[in-house]
Amino acid sequence: MIEFEQLKRILEAALLASSTPLSLPQLLALFEENERPGHDDLARALDELARDSEGRGIELKEVASGFRYQVRTEVNPWVARLWTERQTRYSRAQLETLALIAYRQPITRGEIEGIRGVAVSSNIIKTLEEREWIRTVGHRDVPGKPELFGTTRAFLDYFNLKSLDELPPLAEIRDLQDFEPQLGLAPMGLGIEDNAPANPSADPGAADSDGHDTHAAADAETPVPVAQASDSRPPIPDSRGDGEAAADPTEQTP
């Protein structure tokens, strides 16, 4: 059996060396069977490592995919200057769409359009899927079988959440700037003004004679900057059950 202080050093080194969060089974797999610590010892070691980082520029954080070391929010503005690449920017339409999926999942594209009052560009859904923040979790049992969208474990990891239960109640973030540091969202609600009115009879994937997406105008809004996450490692996608009832955002608990 490995001594406790050695166990802490091994876990600390592994977490610092890993490019992704490490789950408890992944951490246990670091050890041979005859030296593998018990779950209680592993949990105590992680708890002490978290306390050891108090007052420092880094913290041990548990997110949906496991544990990781990351830069603390209060020092991130200085650390971010190490990276000179241009900050990723997302349009208001993209961010509102993401927020609706997070709070109302599982939800269809048509339902998103009904709430926002504008058409949803195919590029918006494609961007969020490529970012691995959303995915198809099923199909609504209505004519046409529209896709149901939900968030992924990558979404939770990026926004430092262990589960959807940690999303702030929607009633508390009507000024959605409160959903920072990573997510600069605009206020949501019925009849939000946009560049293109919703057309319920339009084909979601329709294109004009030049082959352009007819819903592109819905994404042509002033880009809203999204701060780089303290850790943008590629996590493992998660899913909500197919056909799961849509969440009522007013019932979310922090």
C-alpha atoms as a PDB file:
ATOM      1  CA  MET A   1       0.000   0.000   0.000  1.00  0.00           C
ATOM      2  CA  ILE A   2       1.336   3.424  -0.966  1.00  0.00           C
ATOM      3  CA  GLU A   3       1.866   5.927   1.848  1.00  0.00           C
ATOM      4  CA  PHE A   4      -0.675   8.715   1.990  1.00  0.00           C
ATOM      5  CA  GLU A   5       1.750  11.558   1.244  1.00  0.00           C
ATOM      6  CA  GLN A   6       3.102   9.619  -1.737  1.00  0.00           C
ATOM      7  CA  LEU A   7      -0.479   9.097  -2.907  1.00  0.00           C
ATOM      8  CA  LYS A   8      -1.053  12.858  -2.841  1.00  0.00           C
ATOM      9  CA  ARG A   9       2.109  13.503  -4.860  1.00  0.00           C
ATOM     10  CA  ILE A  10       1.132  10.922  -7.483  1.00  0.00           C
ATOM     11  CA  LEU A  11      -2.370  12.335  -7.850  1.00  0.00           C
ATOM     12  CA  GLU A  12      -1.090  15.902  -8.045  1.00  0.00           C
ATOM     13  CA  ALA A  13       1.455  15.008 -10.727  1.00  0.00           C
ATOM     14  CA  ALA A  14      -1.076  13.033 -12.763  1.00  0.00           C
ATOM     15  CA  LEU A  15      -3.644  15.830 -12.666  1.00  0.00           C
ATOM     16  CA  LEU A  16      -1.053  18.417 -13.692  1.00  0.00           C
ATOM     17  CA  ALA A  17       0.232  16.222 -16.519  1.00  0.00           C
ATOM     18  CA  SER A  18      -3.174  15.269 -17.932  1.00  0.00           C
ATOM     19  CA  SER A  19      -4.689  17.287 -20.770  1.00  0.00           C
ATOM     20  CA  THR A  20      -8.218  16.322 -19.680  1.00  0.00           C
ATOM     21  CA  PRO A  21     -10.035  16.006 -16.344  1.00  0.00           C
ATOM     22  CA  LEU A  22      -9.453  12.657 -14.658  1.00  0.00           C
ATOM     23  CA  SER A  23     -12.299  10.667 -13.115  1.00  0.00           C
ATOM     24  CA  LEU A  24     -11.958   8.544  -9.982  1.00  0.00           C
ATOM     25  CA  PRO A  25     -11.733   5.281 -12.008  1.00  0.00           C
ATOM     26  CA  GLN A  26      -9.004   6.842 -14.162  1.00  0.00           C
ATOM     27  CA  LEU A  27      -7.057   7.890 -11.077  1.00  0.00           C
ATOM     28  CA  LEU A  28      -7.412   4.438  -9.519  1.00  0.00           C
ATOM     29  CA  ALA A  29      -6.156   2.882 -12.766  1.00  0.00           C
ATOM     30  CA  LEU A  30      -2.782   4.587 -12.171  1.00  0.00           C
ATOM     31  CA  PHE A  31      -1.985   2.004  -9.493  1.00  0.00           C
ATOM     32  CA  GLU A  32      -1.233  -1.681  -9.610  1.00  0.00           C
ATOM     33  CA  GLU A  33      -3.822  -3.865  -7.920  1.00  0.00           C
ATOM     34  CA  ASN A  34      -1.627  -4.584  -4.880  1.00  0.00           C
ATOM     35  CA  GLU A  35      -0.958  -0.870  -4.270  1.00  0.00           C
ATOM     36  CA  ARG A  36      -4.320   0.578  -5.231  1.00  0.00           C
ATOM     37  CA  PRO A  37      -5.722   2.925  -2.561  1.00  0.00           C
ATOM     38  CA  GLY A  38      -9.255   2.632  -1.241  1.00  0.00           C
ATOM     39  CA  HIS A  39     -11.945   5.060  -2.314  1.00  0.00           C
ATOM     40  CA  ASP A  40     -11.879   6.751   1.089  1.00  0.00           C
ATOM     41  CA  ASP A  41      -8.119   7.359   0.888  1.00  0.00           C
ATOM     42  CA  LEU A  42      -8.441   8.625  -2.679  1.00  0.00           C
ATOM     43  CA  ALA A  43     -11.229  11.028  -1.731  1.00  0.00           C
ATOM     44  CA  ARG A  44      -9.278  12.269   1.310  1.00  0.00           C
ATOM     45  CA  ALA A  45      -6.152  12.836  -0.787  1.00  0.00           C
ATOM     46  CA  LEU A  46      -8.105  14.852  -3.360  1.00  0.00           C
ATOM     47  CA  ASP A  47      -9.746  16.861  -0.588  1.00  0.00           C
ATOM     48  CA  GLU A  48      -6.358  17.695   0.930  1.00  0.00           C
ATOM     49  CA  LEU A  49      -4.933  18.643  -2.471  1.00  0.00           C
ATOM     50  CA  ALA A  50      -7.873  21.039  -2.906  1.00  0.00           C
ATOM     51  CA  ARG A  51      -7.173  22.584   0.505  1.00  0.00           C
ATOM     52  CA  ASP A  52      -3.449  22.810  -0.277  1.00  0.00           C
ATOM     53  CA  SER A  53      -4.246  25.012  -3.278  1.00  0.00           C
ATOM     54  CA  GLU A  54      -6.263  27.530  -1.237  1.00  0.00           C
ATOM     55  CA  GLY A  55      -4.775  31.006  -1.523  1.00  0.00           C
ATOM     56  CA  ARG A  56      -2.767  30.034  -4.616  1.00  0.00           C
ATOM     57  CA  GLY A  57      -3.194  30.970  -8.261  1.00  0.00           C
ATOM     58  CA  ILE A  58      -4.494  27.513  -9.174  1.00  0.00           C
ATOM     59  CA  GLU A  59      -7.285  25.364  -7.781  1.00  0.00           C
ATOM     60  CA  LEU A  60      -8.297  21.720  -7.906  1.00  0.00           C
ATOM     61  CA  LYS A  61     -11.751  21.713  -9.469  1.00  0.00           C
ATOM     62  CA  GLU A  62     -14.239  18.873  -9.925  1.00  0.00           C
ATOM     63  CA  VAL A  63     -16.224  19.139 -13.167  1.00  0.00           C
ATOM     64  CA  ALA A  64     -18.491  16.718 -15.024  1.00  0.00           C
ATOM     65  CA  SER A  65     -15.636  14.625 -16.447  1.00  0.00           C
ATOM     66  CA  GLY A  66     -13.578  14.457 -13.262  1.00  0.00           C
ATOM     67  CA  PHE A  67     -10.902  16.488 -11.482  1.00  0.00           C
ATOM     68  CA  ARG A  68      -8.453  19.004 -12.939  1.00  0.00           C
ATOM     69  CA  TYR A  69      -6.109  21.781 -11.896  1.00  0.00           C
ATOM     70  CA  GLN A  70      -7.015  25.145 -13.400  1.00  0.00           C
ATOM     71  CA  VAL A  71      -6.206  28.831 -13.108  1.00  0.00           C
ATOM     72  CA  ARG A  72      -8.322  30.722 -10.596  1.00  0.00           C
ATOM     73  CA  THR A  73     -10.786  33.205 -12.046  1.00  0.00           C
ATOM     74  CA  GLU A  74      -9.315  36.179 -10.204  1.00  0.00           C
ATOM     75  CA  VAL A  75      -5.893  35.784 -11.855  1.00  0.00           C
ATOM     76  CA  ASN A  76      -7.105  34.630 -15.261  1.00  0.00           C
ATOM     77  CA  PRO A  77      -6.885  38.111 -16.905  1.00  0.00           C
ATOM     78  CA  TRP A  78      -3.106  38.113 -16.386  1.00  0.00           C
ATOM     79  CA  VAL A  79      -2.536  34.458 -17.286  1.00  0.00           C
ATOM     80  CA  ALA A  80      -4.624  34.874 -20.453  1.00  0.00           C
ATOM     81  CA  ARG A  81      -1.968  37.239 -21.816  1.00  0.00           C
ATOM     82  CA  LEU A  82       0.256  34.214 -22.394  1.00  0.00           C
ATOM     83  CA  TRP A  83      -1.933  33.388 -25.395  1.00  0.00           C
ATOM     84  CA  THR A  84      -1.920  35.946 -28.173  1.00  0.00           C
ATOM     85  CA  GLU A  85      -4.416  34.286 -30.497  1.00  0.00           C
ATOM     86  CA  ARG A  86      -7.623  36.153 -31.174  1.00  0.00           C
ATOM     87  CA  GLN A  87     -10.385  35.530 -28.666  1.00  0.00           C
ATOM     88  CA  THR A  88     -13.246  33.339 -29.887  1.00  0.00           C
ATOM     89  CA  ARG A  89     -16.374  35.382 -30.483  1.00  0.00           C
ATOM     90  CA  TYR A  90     -19.948  34.154 -30.663  1.00  0.00           C
ATOM     91  CA  SER A  91     -22.980  36.012 -31.925  1.00  0.00           C
ATOM     92  CA  ARG A  92     -25.885  36.930 -29.681  1.00  0.00           C
ATOM     93  CA  ALA A  93     -28.026  34.431 -31.609  1.00  0.00           C
ATOM     94  CA  GLN A  94     -25.573  31.595 -30.917  1.00  0.00           C
ATOM     95  CA  LEU A  95     -25.434  32.364 -27.215  1.00  0.00           C
ATOM     96  CA  GLU A  96     -29.196  32.678 -26.839  1.00  0.00           C
ATOM     97  CA  THR A  97     -29.642  29.367 -28.657  1.00  0.00           C
ATOM     98  CA  LEU A  98     -27.115  27.692 -26.354  1.00  0.00           C
ATOM     99  CA  ALA A  99     -28.848  29.078 -23.273  1.00  0.00           C
ATOM    100  CA  LEU A 100     -32.240  27.808 -24.437  1.00  0.00           C
ATOM    101  CA  ILE A 101     -30.832  24.329 -25.048  1.00  0.00           C
ATOM    102  CA  ALA A 102     -29.177  24.330 -21.616  1.00  0.00           C
ATOM    103  CA  TYR A 103     -32.329  25.361 -19.750  1.00  0.00           C
ATOM    104  CA  ARG A 104     -35.077  23.737 -21.838  1.00  0.00           C
ATOM    105  CA  GLN A 105     -33.428  20.507 -22.989  1.00  0.00           C
ATOM    106  CA  PRO A 106     -34.351  18.330 -24.702  1.00  0.00           C
ATOM    107  CA  ILE A 107     -35.594  20.911 -27.202  1.00  0.00           C
ATOM    108  CA  THR A 108     -36.094  21.009 -30.978  1.00  0.00           C
ATOM    109  CA  ARG A 109     -34.926  23.657 -33.397  1.00  0.00           C
ATOM    110  CA  GLY A 110     -38.548  24.631 -34.056  1.00  0.00           C
ATOM    111  CA  GLU A 111     -39.170  25.117 -30.336  1.00  0.00           C
ATOM    112  CA  ILE A 112     -36.093  27.336 -30.101  1.00  0.00           C
ATOM    113  CA  GLU A 113     -37.405  29.410 -33.000  1.00  0.00           C
ATOM    114  CA  GLY A 114     -40.786  29.682 -31.314  1.00  0.00           C
ATOM    115  CA  ILE A 115     -39.269  31.005 -28.088  1.00  0.00           C
ATOM    116  CA  ARG A 116     -36.793  33.396 -29.709  1.00  0.00           C
ATOM    117  CA  GLY A 117     -39.260  34.548 -32.341  1.00  0.00           C
ATOM    118  CA  VAL A 118     -36.657  34.270 -35.103  1.00  0.00           C
ATOM    119  CA  ALA A 119     -35.315  31.584 -37.443  1.00  0.00           C
ATOM    120  CA  VAL A 120     -32.294  29.586 -36.268  1.00  0.00           C
ATOM    121  CA  SER A 121     -29.487  29.409 -38.805  1.00  0.00           C
ATOM    122  CA  SER A 122     -28.091  25.967 -39.604  1.00  0.00           C
ATOM    123  CA  ASN A 123     -24.651  27.469 -38.954  1.00  0.00           C
ATOM    124  CA  ILE A 124     -25.595  28.155 -35.322  1.00  0.00           C
ATOM    125  CA  ILE A 125     -26.410  24.511 -34.618  1.00  0.00           C
ATOM    126  CA  LYS A 126     -23.349  23.363 -36.577  1.00  0.00           C
ATOM    127  CA  THR A 127     -21.029  25.661 -34.602  1.00  0.00           C
ATOM    128  CA  LEU A 128     -22.363  24.498 -31.241  1.00  0.00           C
ATOM    129  CA  GLU A 129     -22.090  20.851 -32.305  1.00  0.00           C
ATOM    130  CA  GLU A 130     -18.518  21.339 -33.559  1.00  0.00           C
ATOM    131  CA  ARG A 131     -17.673  22.967 -30.233  1.00  0.00           C
ATOM    132  CA  GLU A 132     -19.088  19.788 -28.629  1.00  0.00           C
ATOM    133  CA  TRP A 133     -21.388  21.849 -26.420  1.00  0.00           C
ATOM    134  CA  ILE A 134     -24.611  20.302 -27.788  1.00  0.00           C
ATOM    135  CA  ARG A 135     -25.633  17.041 -29.432  1.00  0.00           C
ATOM    136  CA  THR A 136     -28.712  15.211 -30.679  1.00  0.00           C
ATOM    137  CA  VAL A 137     -30.228  13.193 -27.835  1.00  0.00           C
ATOM    138  CA  GLY A 138     -33.318  11.863 -29.630  1.00  0.00           C
ATOM    139  CA  HIS A 139     -36.234  12.826 -31.853  1.00  0.00           C
ATOM    140  CA  ARG A 140     -39.592  14.352 -30.964  1.00  0.00           C
ATOM    141  CA  ASP A 141     -42.448  11.917 -31.648  1.00  0.00           C
ATOM    142  CA  VAL A 142     -44.302  14.239 -34.032  1.00  0.00           C
ATOM    143  CA  PRO A 143     -44.530  14.398 -37.843  1.00  0.00           C
ATOM    144  CA  GLY A 144     -41.083  14.988 -39.289  1.00  0.00           C
ATOM    145  CA  LYS A 145     -39.346  13.535 -36.206  1.00  0.00           C
ATOM    146  CA  PRO A 146     -37.365  16.727 -35.434  1.00  0.00           C
ATOM    147  CA  GLU A 147     -34.082  16.330 -33.586  1.00  0.00           C
ATOM    148  CA  LEU A 148     -33.979  16.936 -29.841  1.00  0.00           C
ATOM    149  CA  PHE A 149     -30.908  18.834 -28.676  1.00  0.00           C
ATOM    150  CA  GLY A 150     -29.216  18.675 -25.292  1.00  0.00           C
ATOM    151  CA  THR A 151     -25.942  19.828 -23.784  1.00  0.00           C
ATOM    152  CA  THR A 152     -22.879  17.616 -23.385  1.00  0.00           C
ATOM    153  CA  ARG A 153     -20.325  16.900 -20.709  1.00  0.00           C
ATOM    154  CA  ALA A 154     -17.989  19.186 -22.660  1.00  0.00           C
ATOM    155  CA  PHE A 155     -20.447  22.041 -22.037  1.00  0.00           C
ATOM    156  CA  LEU A 156     -20.422  21.311 -18.309  1.00  0.00           C
ATOM    157  CA  ASP A 157     -16.629  21.059 -18.200  1.00  0.00           C
ATOM    158  CA  TYR A 158     -16.146  24.337 -20.074  1.00  0.00           C
ATOM    159  CA  PHE A 159     -18.392  26.244 -17.685  1.00  0.00           C
ATOM    160  CA  ASN A 160     -16.975  24.561 -14.561  1.00  0.00           C
ATOM    161  CA  LEU A 161     -20.159  22.635 -13.748  1.00  0.00           C
ATOM    162  CA  LYS A 162     -20.498  19.117 -12.351  1.00  0.00           C
ATOM    163  CA  SER A 163     -24.137  18.797 -13.440  1.00  0.00           C
ATOM    164  CA  LEU A 164     -27.006  20.803 -14.914  1.00  0.00           C
ATOM    165  CA  ASP A 165     -28.314  21.281 -11.377  1.00  0.00           C
ATOM    166  CA  GLU A 166     -25.496  23.788 -10.868  1.00  0.00           C
ATOM    167  CA  LEU A 167     -26.836  26.123 -13.554  1.00  0.00           C
ATOM    168  CA  PRO A 168     -28.049  29.316 -11.862  1.00  0.00           C
ATOM    169  CA  PRO A 169     -31.857  29.692 -11.809  1.00  0.00           C
ATOM    170  CA  LEU A 170     -32.949  31.483 -14.962  1.00  0.00           C
ATOM    171  CA  ALA A 171     -34.953  33.953 -12.868  1.00  0.00           C
ATOM    172  CA  GLU A 172     -31.660  35.112 -11.307  1.00  0.00           C
ATOM    173  CA  ILE A 173     -29.906  35.768 -14.621  1.00  0.00           C
ATOM    174  CA  ARG A 174     -32.433  37.791 -16.585  1.00  0.00           C
ATOM    175  CA  ASP A 175     -29.419  40.040 -16.983  1.00  0.00           C
ATOM    176  CA  LEU A 176     -27.513  37.107 -18.421  1.00  0.00           C
ATOM    177  CA  GLN A 177     -24.180  38.871 -17.967  1.00  0.00           C
ATOM    178  CA  ASP A 178     -24.388  37.272 -14.507  1.00  0.00           C
ATOM    179  CA  PHE A 179     -23.602  33.981 -16.259  1.00  0.00           C
ATOM    180  CA  GLU A 180     -19.984  35.071 -16.677  1.00  0.00           C
ATOM    181  CA  PRO A 181     -17.013  34.591 -16.639  1.00  0.00           C
ATOM    182  CA  GLN A 182     -17.227  32.380 -19.725  1.00  0.00           C
ATOM    183  CA  LEU A 183     -20.723  32.969 -21.079  1.00  0.00           C
ATOM    184  CA  GLY A 184     -21.788  36.489 -22.078  1.00  0.00           C
ATOM    185  CA  LEU A 185     -25.448  35.954 -22.899  1.00  0.00           C
ATOM    186  CA  ALA A 186     -28.101  38.472 -23.893  1.00  0.00           C
ATOM    187  CA  PRO A 187     -31.455  38.626 -22.079  1.00  0.00           C
ATOM    188  CA  MET A 188     -33.888  35.995 -23.364  1.00  0.00           C
ATOM    189  CA  GLY A 189     -37.631  36.067 -23.740  1.00  0.00           C
ATOM    190  CA  LEU A 190     -40.469  35.988 -26.204  1.00  0.00           C
ATOM    191  CA  GLY A 191     -40.268  38.309 -29.178  1.00  0.00           C
ATOM    192  CA  ILE A 192     -36.550  39.108 -28.971  1.00  0.00           C
ATOM    193  CA  GLU A 193     -35.669  41.406 -31.807  1.00  0.00           C
ATOM    194  CA  ASP A 194     -33.429  39.920 -34.427  1.00  0.00           C
ATOM    195  CA  ASN A 195     -32.486  40.451 -38.024  1.00  0.00           C
ATOM    196  CA  ALA A 196     -34.856  37.818 -39.423  1.00  0.00           C
ATOM    197  CA  PRO A 197     -38.439  36.961 -38.426  1.00  0.00           C
ATOM    198  CA  ALA A 198     -39.278  33.353 -37.803  1.00  0.00           C
ATOM    199  CA  ASN A 199     -41.134  31.593 -40.585  1.00  0.00           C
ATOM    200  CA  PRO A 200     -42.805  28.454 -39.247  1.00  0.00           C
ATOM    201  CA  SER A 201     -43.526  27.203 -42.757  1.00  0.00           C
ATOM    202  CA  ALA A 202     -39.940  27.529 -43.941  1.00  0.00           C
ATOM    203  CA  ASP A 203     -37.790  24.470 -44.472  1.00  0.00           C
ATOM    204  CA  PRO A 204     -35.081  24.637 -41.733  1.00  0.00           C
ATOM    205  CA  GLY A 205     -32.460  23.667 -44.254  1.00  0.00           C
ATOM    206  CA  ALA A 206     -33.771  25.717 -47.167  1.00  0.00           C
ATOM    207  CA  ALA A 207     -31.352  27.553 -49.441  1.00  0.00           C
ATOM    208  CA  ASP A 208     -31.883  30.211 -52.059  1.00  0.00           C
ATOM    209  CA  SER A 209     -31.058  29.893 -55.748  1.00  0.00           C
ATOM    210  CA  ASP A 210     -27.416  30.763 -55.038  1.00  0.00           C
ATOM    211  CA  GLY A 211     -27.122  27.986 -52.480  1.00  0.00           C
ATOM    212  CA  HIS A 212     -27.035  30.321 -49.470  1.00  0.00           C
ATOM    213  CA  ASP A 213     -28.717  29.375 -46.183  1.00  0.00           C
ATOM    214  CA  THR A 214     -31.968  31.331 -45.986  1.00  0.00           C
ATOM    215  CA  HIS A 215     -31.663  31.426 -42.200  1.00  0.00           C
ATOM    216  CA  ALA A 216     -28.213  32.988 -42.196  1.00  0.00           C
ATOM    217  CA  ALA A 217     -29.660  36.364 -41.230  1.00  0.00           C
ATOM    218  CA  ALA A 218     -30.591  34.964 -37.852  1.00  0.00           C
ATOM    219  CA  ASP A 219     -26.895  34.645 -37.076  1.00  0.00           C
ATOM    220  CA  ALA A 220     -25.949  38.077 -38.432  1.00  0.00           C
ATOM    221  CA  GLU A 221     -25.933  39.852 -35.084  1.00  0.00           C
ATOM    222  CA  THR A 222     -23.269  41.805 -33.262  1.00  0.00           C
ATOM    223  CA  PRO A 223     -20.730  39.257 -32.004  1.00  0.00           C
ATOM    224  CA  VAL A 224     -20.540  38.916 -28.237  1.00  0.00           C
ATOM    225  CA  PRO A 225     -17.088  38.008 -26.851  1.00  0.00           C
ATOM    226  CA  VAL A 226     -16.783  34.873 -24.765  1.00  0.00           C
ATOM    227  CA  ALA A 227     -13.805  34.752 -22.445  1.00  0.00           C
ATOM    228  CA  GLN A 228     -11.493  31.801 -22.819  1.00  0.00           C
ATOM    229  CA  ALA A 229     -12.265  29.104 -20.284  1.00  0.00           C
ATOM    230  CA  SER A 230      -9.654  28.490 -17.653  1.00  0.00           C
ATOM    231  CA  ASP A 231      -9.368  25.032 -19.161  1.00  0.00           C
ATOM    232  CA  SER A 232     -10.592  24.236 -22.671  1.00  0.00           C
ATOM    233  CA  ARG A 233      -9.577  20.587 -22.758  1.00  0.00           C
ATOM    234  CA  PRO A 234     -11.716  18.293 -24.936  1.00  0.00           C
ATOM    235  CA  PRO A 235     -13.939  16.262 -22.563  1.00  0.00           C
ATOM    236  CA  ILE A 236     -16.166  13.238 -23.011  1.00  0.00           C
ATOM    237  CA  PRO A 237     -19.682  13.936 -24.374  1.00  0.00           C
ATOM    238  CA  ASP A 238     -22.614  13.327 -22.032  1.00  0.00           C
ATOM    239  CA  SER A 239     -26.264  12.788 -22.829  1.00  0.00           C
ATOM    240  CA  ARG A 240     -29.699  13.224 -21.362  1.00  0.00           C
ATOM    241  CA  GLY A 241     -32.167  10.418 -21.828  1.00  0.00           C
ATOM    242  CA  ASP A 242     -34.033  10.288 -25.136  1.00  0.00           C
ATOM    243  CA  GLY A 243     -37.521  11.670 -24.784  1.00  0.00           C
ATOM    244  CA  GLU A 244     -36.771  13.183 -21.357  1.00  0.00           C
ATOM    245  CA  ALA A 245     -39.218  15.880 -20.392  1.00  0.00           C
ATOM    246  CA  ALA A 246     -37.986  19.386 -21.065  1.00  0.00           C
ATOM    247  CA  ALA A 247     -36.645  21.118 -17.978  1.00  0.00           C
ATOM    248  CA  ASP A 248     -38.519  24.066 -16.558  1.00  0.00           C
ATOM    249  CA  PRO A 249     -35.853  26.775 -16.099  1.00  0.00           C
ATOM    250  CA  THR A 250     -37.782  28.319 -13.224  1.00  0.00           C
ATOM    251  CA  GLU A 251     -37.298  25.117 -11.258  1.00  0.00           C
ATOM    252  CA  GLN A 252     -33.532  24.898 -11.665  1.00  0.00           C
ATOM    253  CA  THR A 253     -31.587  24.962  -8.412  1.00  0.00           C
ATOM    254  CA  PRO A 254     -28.129  26.437  -8.078  1.00  0.00           C
END
